C-alpha atoms as a PDB file:
ATOM      1  CA  MET A   1      37.851  40.997  30.901  1.00  0.00           C
ATOM      2  CA  VAL A   2      40.848  39.496  32.820  1.00  0.00           C
ATOM      3  CA  ARG A   3      41.043  39.917  36.713  1.00  0.00           C
ATOM      4  CA  ILE A   4      43.909  40.170  38.807  1.00  0.00           C
ATOM      5  CA  THR A   5      44.472  40.331  42.618  1.00  0.00           C
ATOM      6  CA  VAL A   6      46.926  43.037  43.755  1.00  0.00           C
ATOM      7  CA  ASP A   7      48.852  42.944  47.096  1.00  0.00           C
ATOM      8  CA  HIS A   8      47.573  44.999  49.979  1.00  0.00           C
ATOM      9  CA  GLU A   9      49.901  47.790  49.685  1.00  0.00           C
ATOM     10  CA  LEU A  10      49.054  48.428  45.839  1.00  0.00           C
ATOM     11  CA  GLY A  11      45.518  47.805  46.773  1.00  0.00           C
ATOM     12  CA  SER A  12      45.451  50.673  49.151  1.00  0.00           C
ATOM     13  CA  LYS A  13      47.490  53.069  46.732  1.00  0.00           C
ATOM     14  CA  LEU A  14      44.662  52.456  44.097  1.00  0.00           C
ATOM     15  CA  SER A  15      41.527  52.416  46.690  1.00  0.00           C
ATOM     16  CA  ALA A  16      42.763  56.041  47.477  1.00  0.00           C
ATOM     17  CA  ALA A  17      42.530  57.028  43.866  1.00  0.00           C
ATOM     18  CA  ALA A  18      39.791  59.863  43.077  1.00  0.00           C
ATOM     19  CA  ALA A  19      40.442  59.980  39.525  1.00  0.00           C
ATOM     20  CA  ALA A  20      41.996  58.004  36.710  1.00  0.00           C
ATOM     21  CA  LEU A  21      45.725  57.444  36.860  1.00  0.00           C
ATOM     22  CA  GLU A  22      48.884  55.923  34.849  1.00  0.00           C
ATOM     23  CA  VAL A  23      50.294  52.825  36.624  1.00  0.00           C
ATOM     24  CA  CYS A  24      54.207  52.835  35.928  1.00  0.00           C
ATOM     25  CA  ASP A  25      56.646  50.254  36.556  1.00  0.00           C
ATOM     26  CA  GLY A  26      59.838  50.763  38.426  1.00  0.00           C
ATOM     27  CA  ALA A  27      61.520  52.313  35.531  1.00  0.00           C
ATOM     28  CA  GLY A  28      58.693  54.870  35.093  1.00  0.00           C
ATOM     29  CA  ARG A  29      57.140  53.091  31.835  1.00  0.00           C
ATOM     30  CA  VAL A  30      53.447  53.074  31.684  1.00  0.00           C
ATOM     31  CA  ILE A  31      52.116  49.625  31.860  1.00  0.00           C
ATOM     32  CA  GLY A  32      48.333  50.658  32.091  1.00  0.00           C
ATOM     33  CA  HIS A  33      45.692  52.836  33.189  1.00  0.00           C
ATOM     34  CA  PHE A  34      43.535  52.543  36.315  1.00  0.00           C
ATOM     35  CA  ILE A  35      39.914  54.030  36.499  1.00  0.00           C
ATOM     36  CA  PRO A  36      38.454  53.711  40.149  1.00  0.00           C
ATOM     37  CA  VAL A  37      34.952  52.602  40.436  1.00  0.00           C
ATOM     38  CA  ALA A  38      32.388  55.620  40.843  1.00  0.00           C
ATOM     39  CA  ASP A  39      30.799  55.675  44.252  1.00  0.00           C
ATOM     40  CA  ALA A  40      26.991  56.352  43.991  1.00  0.00           C
ATOM     41  CA  ALA A  41      26.908  58.288  47.136  1.00  0.00           C
ATOM     42  CA  ASP A  42      29.054  60.883  45.318  1.00  0.00           C
ATOM     43  CA  TYR A  43      26.145  61.499  43.038  1.00  0.00           C
ATOM     44  CA  ALA A  44      23.218  61.342  45.400  1.00  0.00           C
ATOM     45  CA  SER A  45      22.790  65.107  45.740  1.00  0.00           C
ATOM     46  CA  VAL A  46      22.902  65.724  41.952  1.00  0.00           C
ATOM     47  CA  SER A  47      19.682  66.631  40.291  1.00  0.00           C
ATOM     48  CA  SER A  48      18.644  66.848  36.626  1.00  0.00           C
ATOM     49  CA  PRO A  49      18.572  70.544  35.312  1.00  0.00           C
ATOM     50  CA  THR A  50      15.513  69.554  33.329  1.00  0.00           C
ATOM     51  CA  PRO A  51      12.466  70.068  35.405  1.00  0.00           C
ATOM     52  CA  ALA A  52      10.196  67.234  36.625  1.00  0.00           C
ATOM     53  CA  HIS A  53       7.356  68.267  34.473  1.00  0.00           C
ATOM     54  CA  GLU A  54       9.515  68.497  31.317  1.00  0.00           C
ATOM     55  CA  LEU A  55      10.780  64.977  31.811  1.00  0.00           C
ATOM     56  CA  GLU A  56       7.285  63.783  32.586  1.00  0.00           C
ATOM     57  CA  ARG A  57       6.166  65.525  28.977  1.00  0.00           C
ATOM     58  CA  ARG A  58       8.826  63.824  27.186  1.00  0.00           C
ATOM     59  CA  GLN A  59       7.927  60.309  28.536  1.00  0.00           C
ATOM     60  CA  ARG A  60       4.252  60.959  27.215  1.00  0.00           C
ATOM     61  CA  GLU A  61       5.500  62.233  23.961  1.00  0.00           C
ATOM     62  CA  GLU A  62       5.060  59.678  21.089  1.00  0.00           C
ATOM     63  CA  PRO A  63       8.233  58.287  19.658  1.00  0.00           C
ATOM     64  CA  GLY A  64       9.918  59.667  16.576  1.00  0.00           C
ATOM     65  CA  ARG A  65       9.827  58.529  12.964  1.00  0.00           C
ATOM     66  CA  PRO A  66      11.463  55.377  11.791  1.00  0.00           C
ATOM     67  CA  LEU A  67      14.838  55.292  10.156  1.00  0.00           C
ATOM     68  CA  SER A  68      13.623  54.220   6.924  1.00  0.00           C
ATOM     69  CA  GLU A  69      10.996  57.234   6.697  1.00  0.00           C
ATOM     70  CA  ILE A  70      13.812  59.763   7.549  1.00  0.00           C
ATOM     71  CA  LEU A  71      16.212  58.226   4.721  1.00  0.00           C
ATOM     72  CA  HIS A  72      13.231  58.166   2.359  1.00  0.00           C
ATOM     73  CA  ASP A  73      12.586  62.077   2.871  1.00  0.00           C
ATOM     74  CA  LEU A  74      16.390  62.752   2.660  1.00  0.00           C
ATOM     75  CA  GLY A  75      16.266  61.050  -0.722  1.00  0.00           C
ATOM     76  CA  LYS A  76      13.833  63.446  -1.928  1.00  0.00           C
ATOM     77  CA  LEU A  77      16.240  66.408  -1.280  1.00  0.00           C
ATOM     78  CA  ARG A  78      18.486  65.152  -4.139  1.00  0.00           C
END
């Protein structure tokens, strides 16, 4: 990815963005899109809707079947 450095004025405007936005030139033509970096602090209070005991159970669970086995079984359905 190419990196550019913007002047202080544009940097301040972009830093204030709370969501994705279009970047336009003086004629109003869209020249790109800007997506601000997510702040991890915004998600500090978010928790999983799945209970902890269910997550632990899933971690202990054996992994699924190999794809080759699934494809073999699907071939039997023809």
